[in-house]
Amino acid sequence: MYQAQMSHRPSRSWPSRSWQRWTALPIALGILSLTFANPVLAQERAAERMLRTLTVTGRGIETIPTTLTQVELGVEVQGKTAEAVQQEAAKRSSAVVALLKARNVEKLQTTGITLNPNYSYENNTQRLVGYIATNTVSFRVDTQRAGTIIDDAVKAGATRVNGVSFVAPDPAIAAAQKQALREATQDAQQQANAVLEALNFTAQEIVSIQVNGASTPPPRPVMAFSKLQRAEMADTPVVGGEQEIDASVTLEIRY
């Protein structure tokens, strides 16, 4: 009996789908990592550039003449009773104030009114002998007229010149402050440019600005003198000077 023989071909072995997935996974992860690495790196470099800053402080100084004189005058009265010395001090102070108003002085104001007991000390014993009343006023006037006004105020009843100082007019001070700030800003920029050029860097932008202000020093005082000292002087010479306005500006510059 004839029997047909069937030949069997050896079967080919193909990779499974799971193997294909595991092989493709590292490739996909690598592509993703490359995709996300560039933005992160760019951000880091941008952050480094933002942190790369130069800080400089510039200074500006303006000098202006002190054409005004600030004066403080005092009336001092001593007496037996508090009421009497207070009334006499008020009377003399009114005369001084009337004179100053007639001379059109600026910023006239009362700066102090005091009434104190006056004691004597003998053999370790304190004894009330009377009272001392003091009224003080202050004002501003052109320096050229200050000496004459002080002399006339003493004649009107002032017994003390408590203080004399020199200042510039307010508009002149304001203008000098602005100019000092401009000079300080320019000074800071020039410093930054010199440093960056020496290092072959280029300024990109100003990150922050700090204005440290334009300070005005206090008025320059001169020695005060009492009525007794004043009597020994023929005329009161008053000569002004100069006033400095100092400003500083700090710049933080990215490069």
C-alpha atoms as a PDB file:
ATOM      1  CA  MET A   1       0.000   0.000   0.000  1.00  0.00           C
ATOM      2  CA  TYR A   2       1.321   3.255  -1.039  1.00  0.00           C
ATOM      3  CA  GLN A   3       1.609   5.793   1.696  1.00  0.00           C
ATOM      4  CA  ALA A   4       2.169   9.376   0.934  1.00  0.00           C
ATOM      5  CA  GLN A   5       5.016  10.880   2.841  1.00  0.00           C
ATOM      6  CA  MET A   6       4.746  14.462   3.957  1.00  0.00           C
ATOM      7  CA  SER A   7       7.865  16.467   4.444  1.00  0.00           C
ATOM      8  CA  HIS A   8       7.997  18.808   7.424  1.00  0.00           C
ATOM      9  CA  ARG A   9       9.947  22.073   7.050  1.00  0.00           C
ATOM     10  CA  PRO A  10      11.613  23.368  10.135  1.00  0.00           C
ATOM     11  CA  SER A  11       9.696  26.344  11.481  1.00  0.00           C
ATOM     12  CA  ARG A  12      11.410  29.808  11.681  1.00  0.00           C
ATOM     13  CA  SER A  13      11.686  31.475  15.071  1.00  0.00           C
ATOM     14  CA  TRP A  14      10.504  35.127  15.108  1.00  0.00           C
ATOM     15  CA  PRO A  15      11.044  37.555  17.994  1.00  0.00           C
ATOM     16  CA  SER A  16       8.036  38.019  20.159  1.00  0.00           C
ATOM     17  CA  ARG A  17       6.175  41.324  20.302  1.00  0.00           C
ATOM     18  CA  SER A  18       7.144  41.764  23.938  1.00  0.00           C
ATOM     19  CA  TRP A  19      10.801  41.612  22.996  1.00  0.00           C
ATOM     20  CA  GLN A  20      10.257  44.303  20.377  1.00  0.00           C
ATOM     21  CA  ARG A  21       8.592  46.532  22.930  1.00  0.00           C
ATOM     22  CA  TRP A  22      11.413  46.177  25.435  1.00  0.00           C
ATOM     23  CA  THR A  23      13.993  46.879  22.740  1.00  0.00           C
ATOM     24  CA  ALA A  24      12.234  50.051  21.571  1.00  0.00           C
ATOM     25  CA  LEU A  25      11.730  51.418  25.078  1.00  0.00           C
ATOM     26  CA  PRO A  26      15.352  52.559  25.701  1.00  0.00           C
ATOM     27  CA  ILE A  27      15.417  54.225  22.296  1.00  0.00           C
ATOM     28  CA  ALA A  28      12.223  56.113  23.071  1.00  0.00           C
ATOM     29  CA  LEU A  29      13.520  57.138  26.464  1.00  0.00           C
ATOM     30  CA  GLY A  30      16.722  58.362  24.897  1.00  0.00           C
ATOM     31  CA  ILE A  31      14.800  60.459  22.411  1.00  0.00           C
ATOM     32  CA  LEU A  32      12.644  61.900  25.174  1.00  0.00           C
ATOM     33  CA  SER A  33      15.661  62.683  27.318  1.00  0.00           C
ATOM     34  CA  LEU A  34      17.299  64.526  24.432  1.00  0.00           C
ATOM     35  CA  THR A  35      14.077  66.370  23.771  1.00  0.00           C
ATOM     36  CA  PHE A  36      13.781  67.623  27.350  1.00  0.00           C
ATOM     37  CA  ALA A  37      17.496  68.166  27.993  1.00  0.00           C
ATOM     38  CA  ASN A  38      17.881  71.122  25.661  1.00  0.00           C
ATOM     39  CA  PRO A  39      15.217  73.351  27.280  1.00  0.00           C
ATOM     40  CA  VAL A  40      16.536  72.594  30.756  1.00  0.00           C
ATOM     41  CA  LEU A  41      20.082  73.347  29.701  1.00  0.00           C
ATOM     42  CA  ALA A  42      18.937  76.531  28.047  1.00  0.00           C
ATOM     43  CA  GLN A  43      17.147  77.584  31.203  1.00  0.00           C
ATOM     44  CA  GLU A  44      20.203  76.862  33.314  1.00  0.00           C
ATOM     45  CA  ARG A  45      22.395  78.901  31.028  1.00  0.00           C
ATOM     46  CA  ALA A  46      19.876  81.722  31.049  1.00  0.00           C
ATOM     47  CA  ALA A  47      19.845  81.633  34.844  1.00  0.00           C
ATOM     48  CA  GLU A  48      23.633  81.782  34.901  1.00  0.00           C
ATOM     49  CA  ARG A  49      23.567  84.796  32.641  1.00  0.00           C
ATOM     50  CA  MET A  50      21.003  86.490  34.864  1.00  0.00           C
ATOM     51  CA  LEU A  51      23.181  85.864  37.921  1.00  0.00           C
ATOM     52  CA  ARG A  52      26.180  87.427  36.221  1.00  0.00           C
ATOM     53  CA  THR A  53      25.883  91.019  37.398  1.00  0.00           C
ATOM     54  CA  LEU A  54      28.147  93.908  38.325  1.00  0.00           C
ATOM     55  CA  THR A  55      27.278  96.305  41.163  1.00  0.00           C
ATOM     56  CA  VAL A  56      28.748  99.818  41.193  1.00  0.00           C
ATOM     57  CA  THR A  57      28.090 102.923  43.277  1.00  0.00           C
ATOM     58  CA  GLY A  58      28.548 106.399  41.855  1.00  0.00           C
ATOM     59  CA  ARG A  59      28.849 109.667  43.741  1.00  0.00           C
ATOM     60  CA  GLY A  60      27.940 113.223  42.875  1.00  0.00           C
ATOM     61  CA  ILE A  61      28.741 116.406  44.817  1.00  0.00           C
ATOM     62  CA  GLU A  62      27.342 119.873  44.152  1.00  0.00           C
ATOM     63  CA  THR A  63      28.516 123.010  45.953  1.00  0.00           C
ATOM     64  CA  ILE A  64      26.190 125.982  46.273  1.00  0.00           C
ATOM     65  CA  PRO A  65      26.567 129.323  48.069  1.00  0.00           C
ATOM     66  CA  THR A  66      24.795 129.853  51.386  1.00  0.00           C
ATOM     67  CA  THR A  67      23.036 133.130  50.759  1.00  0.00           C
ATOM     68  CA  LEU A  68      20.674 132.882  53.750  1.00  0.00           C
ATOM     69  CA  THR A  69      21.411 133.185  57.465  1.00  0.00           C
ATOM     70  CA  GLN A  70      19.424 131.286  60.099  1.00  0.00           C
ATOM     71  CA  VAL A  71      19.320 133.254  63.353  1.00  0.00           C
ATOM     72  CA  GLU A  72      17.939 132.423  66.802  1.00  0.00           C
ATOM     73  CA  LEU A  73      17.464 135.366  69.164  1.00  0.00           C
ATOM     74  CA  GLY A  74      16.575 135.218  72.838  1.00  0.00           C
ATOM     75  CA  VAL A  75      15.109 137.588  75.400  1.00  0.00           C
ATOM     76  CA  GLU A  76      16.103 136.794  78.979  1.00  0.00           C
ATOM     77  CA  VAL A  77      14.641 138.600  81.987  1.00  0.00           C
ATOM     78  CA  GLN A  78      15.330 138.122  85.710  1.00  0.00           C
ATOM     79  CA  GLY A  79      13.151 139.404  88.557  1.00  0.00           C
ATOM     80  CA  LYS A  80      11.674 138.795  91.944  1.00  0.00           C
ATOM     81  CA  THR A  81       8.319 137.330  90.929  1.00  0.00           C
ATOM     82  CA  ALA A  82       7.333 134.946  88.188  1.00  0.00           C
ATOM     83  CA  GLU A  83       4.552 137.174  86.926  1.00  0.00           C
ATOM     84  CA  ALA A  84       6.771 140.220  86.639  1.00  0.00           C
ATOM     85  CA  VAL A  85       9.574 138.517  84.708  1.00  0.00           C
ATOM     86  CA  GLN A  86       7.122 136.752  82.401  1.00  0.00           C
ATOM     87  CA  GLN A  87       5.359 139.996  81.534  1.00  0.00           C
ATOM     88  CA  GLU A  88       8.626 141.793  80.907  1.00  0.00           C
ATOM     89  CA  ALA A  89       9.912 138.958  78.715  1.00  0.00           C
ATOM     90  CA  ALA A  90       6.679 138.976  76.719  1.00  0.00           C
ATOM     91  CA  LYS A  91       6.886 142.772  76.277  1.00  0.00           C
ATOM     92  CA  ARG A  92      10.459 142.685  74.990  1.00  0.00           C
ATOM     93  CA  SER A  93       9.789 139.661  72.789  1.00  0.00           C
ATOM     94  CA  SER A  94       6.817 141.414  71.193  1.00  0.00           C
ATOM     95  CA  ALA A  95       9.041 144.363  70.337  1.00  0.00           C
ATOM     96  CA  VAL A  96      11.643 142.080  68.765  1.00  0.00           C
ATOM     97  CA  VAL A  97       9.018 140.177  66.768  1.00  0.00           C
ATOM     98  CA  ALA A  98       7.464 143.425  65.531  1.00  0.00           C
ATOM     99  CA  LEU A  99      10.878 144.565  64.310  1.00  0.00           C
ATOM    100  CA  LEU A 100      11.544 141.270  62.513  1.00  0.00           C
ATOM    101  CA  LYS A 101       8.143 141.328  60.816  1.00  0.00           C
ATOM    102  CA  ALA A 102       8.775 144.891  59.675  1.00  0.00           C
ATOM    103  CA  ARG A 103      12.069 143.719  58.110  1.00  0.00           C
ATOM    104  CA  ASN A 104      10.233 140.955  56.215  1.00  0.00           C
ATOM    105  CA  VAL A 105      12.357 138.098  57.503  1.00  0.00           C
ATOM    106  CA  GLU A 106      11.467 134.519  56.458  1.00  0.00           C
ATOM    107  CA  LYS A 107      10.302 131.564  58.566  1.00  0.00           C
ATOM    108  CA  LEU A 108       9.813 133.599  61.706  1.00  0.00           C
ATOM    109  CA  GLN A 109       8.676 131.398  64.587  1.00  0.00           C
ATOM    110  CA  THR A 110       8.824 131.036  68.340  1.00  0.00           C
ATOM    111  CA  THR A 111      11.292 128.315  69.320  1.00  0.00           C
ATOM    112  CA  GLY A 112      11.034 128.403  73.106  1.00  0.00           C
ATOM    113  CA  ILE A 113       9.354 129.948  76.158  1.00  0.00           C
ATOM    114  CA  THR A 114      10.728 129.102  79.586  1.00  0.00           C
ATOM    115  CA  LEU A 115      10.167 130.279  83.150  1.00  0.00           C
ATOM    116  CA  ASN A 116      12.451 128.870  85.835  1.00  0.00           C
ATOM    117  CA  PRO A 117      13.154 129.640  89.489  1.00  0.00           C
ATOM    118  CA  ASN A 118      16.476 131.230  90.273  1.00  0.00           C
ATOM    119  CA  TYR A 119      18.303 129.914  93.330  1.00  0.00           C
ATOM    120  CA  SER A 120      21.409 131.013  95.167  1.00  0.00           C
ATOM    121  CA  TYR A 121      23.635 128.598  97.048  1.00  0.00           C
ATOM    122  CA  GLU A 122      25.468 129.764 100.148  1.00  0.00           C
ATOM    123  CA  ASN A 123      26.873 127.570 102.916  1.00  0.00           C
ATOM    124  CA  ASN A 124      25.263 124.504 101.332  1.00  0.00           C
ATOM    125  CA  THR A 125      21.899 126.209 101.573  1.00  0.00           C
ATOM    126  CA  GLN A 126      19.565 126.731  98.626  1.00  0.00           C
ATOM    127  CA  ARG A 127      17.560 129.942  98.619  1.00  0.00           C
ATOM    128  CA  LEU A 128      15.026 131.206  96.081  1.00  0.00           C
ATOM    129  CA  VAL A 129      16.023 134.660  94.890  1.00  0.00           C
ATOM    130  CA  GLY A 130      13.680 135.129  91.945  1.00  0.00           C
ATOM    131  CA  TYR A 131      12.777 133.852  88.491  1.00  0.00           C
ATOM    132  CA  ILE A 132      14.253 133.785  85.006  1.00  0.00           C
ATOM    133  CA  ALA A 133      12.027 134.014  81.914  1.00  0.00           C
ATOM    134  CA  THR A 134      13.342 133.355  78.427  1.00  0.00           C
ATOM    135  CA  ASN A 135      11.617 133.710  75.057  1.00  0.00           C
ATOM    136  CA  THR A 136      13.393 132.713  71.841  1.00  0.00           C
ATOM    137  CA  VAL A 137      12.537 133.161  68.175  1.00  0.00           C
ATOM    138  CA  SER A 138      14.227 132.062  64.961  1.00  0.00           C
ATOM    139  CA  PHE A 139      14.139 133.437  61.428  1.00  0.00           C
ATOM    140  CA  ARG A 140      15.920 133.480  58.096  1.00  0.00           C
ATOM    141  CA  VAL A 141      17.181 136.495  56.243  1.00  0.00           C
ATOM    142  CA  ASP A 142      19.522 137.339  53.382  1.00  0.00           C
ATOM    143  CA  THR A 143      23.079 137.106  54.666  1.00  0.00           C
ATOM    144  CA  GLN A 144      23.816 140.620  53.485  1.00  0.00           C
ATOM    145  CA  ARG A 145      21.143 141.985  55.853  1.00  0.00           C
ATOM    146  CA  ALA A 146      21.727 139.620  58.788  1.00  0.00           C
ATOM    147  CA  GLY A 147      24.256 141.747  60.662  1.00  0.00           C
ATOM    148  CA  THR A 148      22.108 144.882  60.608  1.00  0.00           C
ATOM    149  CA  ILE A 149      18.964 143.009  61.681  1.00  0.00           C
ATOM    150  CA  ILE A 150      20.782 141.340  64.585  1.00  0.00           C
ATOM    151  CA  ASP A 151      22.038 144.733  65.758  1.00  0.00           C
ATOM    152  CA  ASP A 152      18.567 146.261  65.591  1.00  0.00           C
ATOM    153  CA  ALA A 153      16.975 143.263  67.335  1.00  0.00           C
ATOM    154  CA  VAL A 154      19.398 143.656  70.254  1.00  0.00           C
ATOM    155  CA  LYS A 155      18.473 147.348  70.464  1.00  0.00           C
ATOM    156  CA  ALA A 156      14.784 146.353  70.475  1.00  0.00           C
ATOM    157  CA  GLY A 157      15.223 144.092  73.484  1.00  0.00           C
ATOM    158  CA  ALA A 158      16.983 140.857  72.508  1.00  0.00           C
ATOM    159  CA  THR A 159      19.580 139.895  75.103  1.00  0.00           C
ATOM    160  CA  ARG A 160      21.051 136.805  73.482  1.00  0.00           C
ATOM    161  CA  VAL A 161      21.976 135.591  70.029  1.00  0.00           C
ATOM    162  CA  ASN A 162      21.690 131.863  70.619  1.00  0.00           C
ATOM    163  CA  GLY A 163      22.864 130.762  67.218  1.00  0.00           C
ATOM    164  CA  VAL A 164      23.699 131.826  63.676  1.00  0.00           C
ATOM    165  CA  SER A 165      24.061 129.378  60.782  1.00  0.00           C
ATOM    166  CA  PHE A 166      24.196 129.610  57.008  1.00  0.00           C
ATOM    167  CA  VAL A 167      21.970 127.812  54.514  1.00  0.00           C
ATOM    168  CA  ALA A 168      21.164 127.919  50.814  1.00  0.00           C
ATOM    169  CA  PRO A 169      17.659 128.753  49.533  1.00  0.00           C
ATOM    170  CA  ASP A 170      15.294 125.789  49.177  1.00  0.00           C
ATOM    171  CA  PRO A 171      15.010 126.044  45.343  1.00  0.00           C
ATOM    172  CA  ALA A 172      18.806 126.091  45.038  1.00  0.00           C
ATOM    173  CA  ILE A 173      19.069 123.027  47.290  1.00  0.00           C
ATOM    174  CA  ALA A 174      16.443 121.138  45.244  1.00  0.00           C
ATOM    175  CA  ALA A 175      18.212 121.944  41.959  1.00  0.00           C
ATOM    176  CA  ALA A 176      21.577 120.913  43.413  1.00  0.00           C
ATOM    177  CA  GLN A 177      20.127 117.617  44.652  1.00  0.00           C
ATOM    178  CA  LYS A 178      18.894 116.736  41.159  1.00  0.00           C
ATOM    179  CA  GLN A 179      22.230 117.634  39.606  1.00  0.00           C
ATOM    180  CA  ALA A 180      24.127 115.616  42.222  1.00  0.00           C
ATOM    181  CA  LEU A 181      21.950 112.572  41.456  1.00  0.00           C
ATOM    182  CA  ARG A 182      22.659 112.955  37.721  1.00  0.00           C
ATOM    183  CA  GLU A 183      26.383 113.118  38.402  1.00  0.00           C
ATOM    184  CA  ALA A 184      26.200 110.077  40.680  1.00  0.00           C
ATOM    185  CA  THR A 185      24.353 108.068  38.006  1.00  0.00           C
ATOM    186  CA  GLN A 186      26.865 109.032  35.318  1.00  0.00           C
ATOM    187  CA  ASP A 187      29.738 108.168  37.639  1.00  0.00           C
ATOM    188  CA  ALA A 188      28.280 104.702  38.290  1.00  0.00           C
ATOM    189  CA  GLN A 189      27.798 104.061  34.560  1.00  0.00           C
ATOM    190  CA  GLN A 190      31.347 105.154  33.760  1.00  0.00           C
ATOM    191  CA  GLN A 191      32.750 102.848  36.429  1.00  0.00           C
ATOM    192  CA  ALA A 192      30.755  99.913  35.079  1.00  0.00           C
ATOM    193  CA  ASN A 193      31.822 100.584  31.485  1.00  0.00           C
ATOM    194  CA  ALA A 194      35.485 100.757  32.466  1.00  0.00           C
ATOM    195  CA  VAL A 195      35.347  97.429  34.311  1.00  0.00           C
ATOM    196  CA  LEU A 196      33.374  95.573  31.642  1.00  0.00           C
ATOM    197  CA  GLU A 197      35.561  96.862  28.798  1.00  0.00           C
ATOM    198  CA  ALA A 198      38.676  95.729  30.661  1.00  0.00           C
ATOM    199  CA  LEU A 199      37.185  92.224  30.930  1.00  0.00           C
ATOM    200  CA  ASN A 200      35.828  92.149  27.343  1.00  0.00           C
ATOM    201  CA  PHE A 201      32.231  92.004  28.543  1.00  0.00           C
ATOM    202  CA  THR A 202      29.249  93.967  27.295  1.00  0.00           C
ATOM    203  CA  ALA A 203      26.579  95.483  29.493  1.00  0.00           C
ATOM    204  CA  GLN A 204      23.155  93.994  28.752  1.00  0.00           C
ATOM    205  CA  GLU A 205      20.708  95.778  31.032  1.00  0.00           C
ATOM    206  CA  ILE A 206      20.348  97.498  34.392  1.00  0.00           C
ATOM    207  CA  VAL A 207      18.774  95.013  36.786  1.00  0.00           C
ATOM    208  CA  SER A 208      18.225  97.351  39.759  1.00  0.00           C
ATOM    209  CA  ILE A 209      18.718 100.983  40.757  1.00  0.00           C
ATOM    210  CA  GLN A 210      19.198 102.152  44.326  1.00  0.00           C
ATOM    211  CA  VAL A 211      19.080 105.867  44.996  1.00  0.00           C
ATOM    212  CA  ASN A 212      20.864 106.557  48.242  1.00  0.00           C
ATOM    213  CA  GLY A 213      19.618 110.138  48.285  1.00  0.00           C
ATOM    214  CA  ALA A 214      21.100 113.574  48.040  1.00  0.00           C
ATOM    215  CA  SER A 215      21.876 114.551  51.598  1.00  0.00           C
ATOM    216  CA  THR A 216      22.262 118.117  52.746  1.00  0.00           C
ATOM    217  CA  PRO A 217      24.625 118.740  55.656  1.00  0.00           C
ATOM    218  CA  PRO A 218      23.238 120.797  58.540  1.00  0.00           C
ATOM    219  CA  PRO A 219      23.697 124.554  58.363  1.00  0.00           C
ATOM    220  CA  ARG A 220      27.171 125.700  59.295  1.00  0.00           C
ATOM    221  CA  PRO A 221      26.952 127.345  62.723  1.00  0.00           C
ATOM    222  CA  VAL A 222      28.978 130.244  64.038  1.00  0.00           C
ATOM    223  CA  MET A 223      29.628 131.177  67.647  1.00  0.00           C
ATOM    224  CA  ALA A 224      26.731 132.615  69.592  1.00  0.00           C
ATOM    225  CA  PHE A 225      27.217 135.660  71.785  1.00  0.00           C
ATOM    226  CA  SER A 226      25.359 137.365  74.587  1.00  0.00           C
ATOM    227  CA  LYS A 227      24.303 140.983  74.905  1.00  0.00           C
ATOM    228  CA  LEU A 228      27.387 141.756  76.991  1.00  0.00           C
ATOM    229  CA  GLN A 229      29.653 140.369  74.292  1.00  0.00           C
ATOM    230  CA  ARG A 230      27.641 142.184  71.655  1.00  0.00           C
ATOM    231  CA  ALA A 231      28.143 145.531  73.402  1.00  0.00           C
ATOM    232  CA  GLU A 232      31.882 145.231  72.845  1.00  0.00           C
ATOM    233  CA  MET A 233      31.425 144.936  69.089  1.00  0.00           C
ATOM    234  CA  ALA A 234      30.963 147.905  66.761  1.00  0.00           C
ATOM    235  CA  ASP A 235      28.991 146.068  64.095  1.00  0.00           C
ATOM    236  CA  THR A 236      28.049 142.436  63.624  1.00  0.00           C
ATOM    237  CA  PRO A 237      29.861 141.034  60.575  1.00  0.00           C
ATOM    238  CA  VAL A 238      28.036 138.096  59.000  1.00  0.00           C
ATOM    239  CA  VAL A 239      29.726 136.321  56.094  1.00  0.00           C
ATOM    240  CA  GLY A 240      28.206 133.263  54.441  1.00  0.00           C
ATOM    241  CA  GLY A 241      29.960 130.304  52.882  1.00  0.00           C
ATOM    242  CA  GLU A 242      29.197 127.257  50.761  1.00  0.00           C
ATOM    243  CA  GLN A 243      27.075 124.168  51.236  1.00  0.00           C
ATOM    244  CA  GLU A 244      27.727 120.710  49.759  1.00  0.00           C
ATOM    245  CA  ILE A 245      25.011 118.426  48.418  1.00  0.00           C
ATOM    246  CA  ASP A 246      26.204 114.810  48.371  1.00  0.00           C
ATOM    247  CA  ALA A 247      24.363 112.085  46.418  1.00  0.00           C
ATOM    248  CA  SER A 248      25.081 108.436  45.598  1.00  0.00           C
ATOM    249  CA  VAL A 249      23.434 105.950  43.226  1.00  0.00           C
ATOM    250  CA  THR A 250      24.010 102.174  43.097  1.00  0.00           C
ATOM    251  CA  LEU A 251      23.457 100.279  39.839  1.00  0.00           C
ATOM    252  CA  GLU A 252      23.302  96.511  39.361  1.00  0.00           C
ATOM    253  CA  ILE A 253      24.100  95.730  35.727  1.00  0.00           C
ATOM    254  CA  ARG A 254      23.737  92.396  33.951  1.00  0.00           C
ATOM    255  CA  TYR A 255      26.475  91.521  31.456  1.00  0.00           C
END
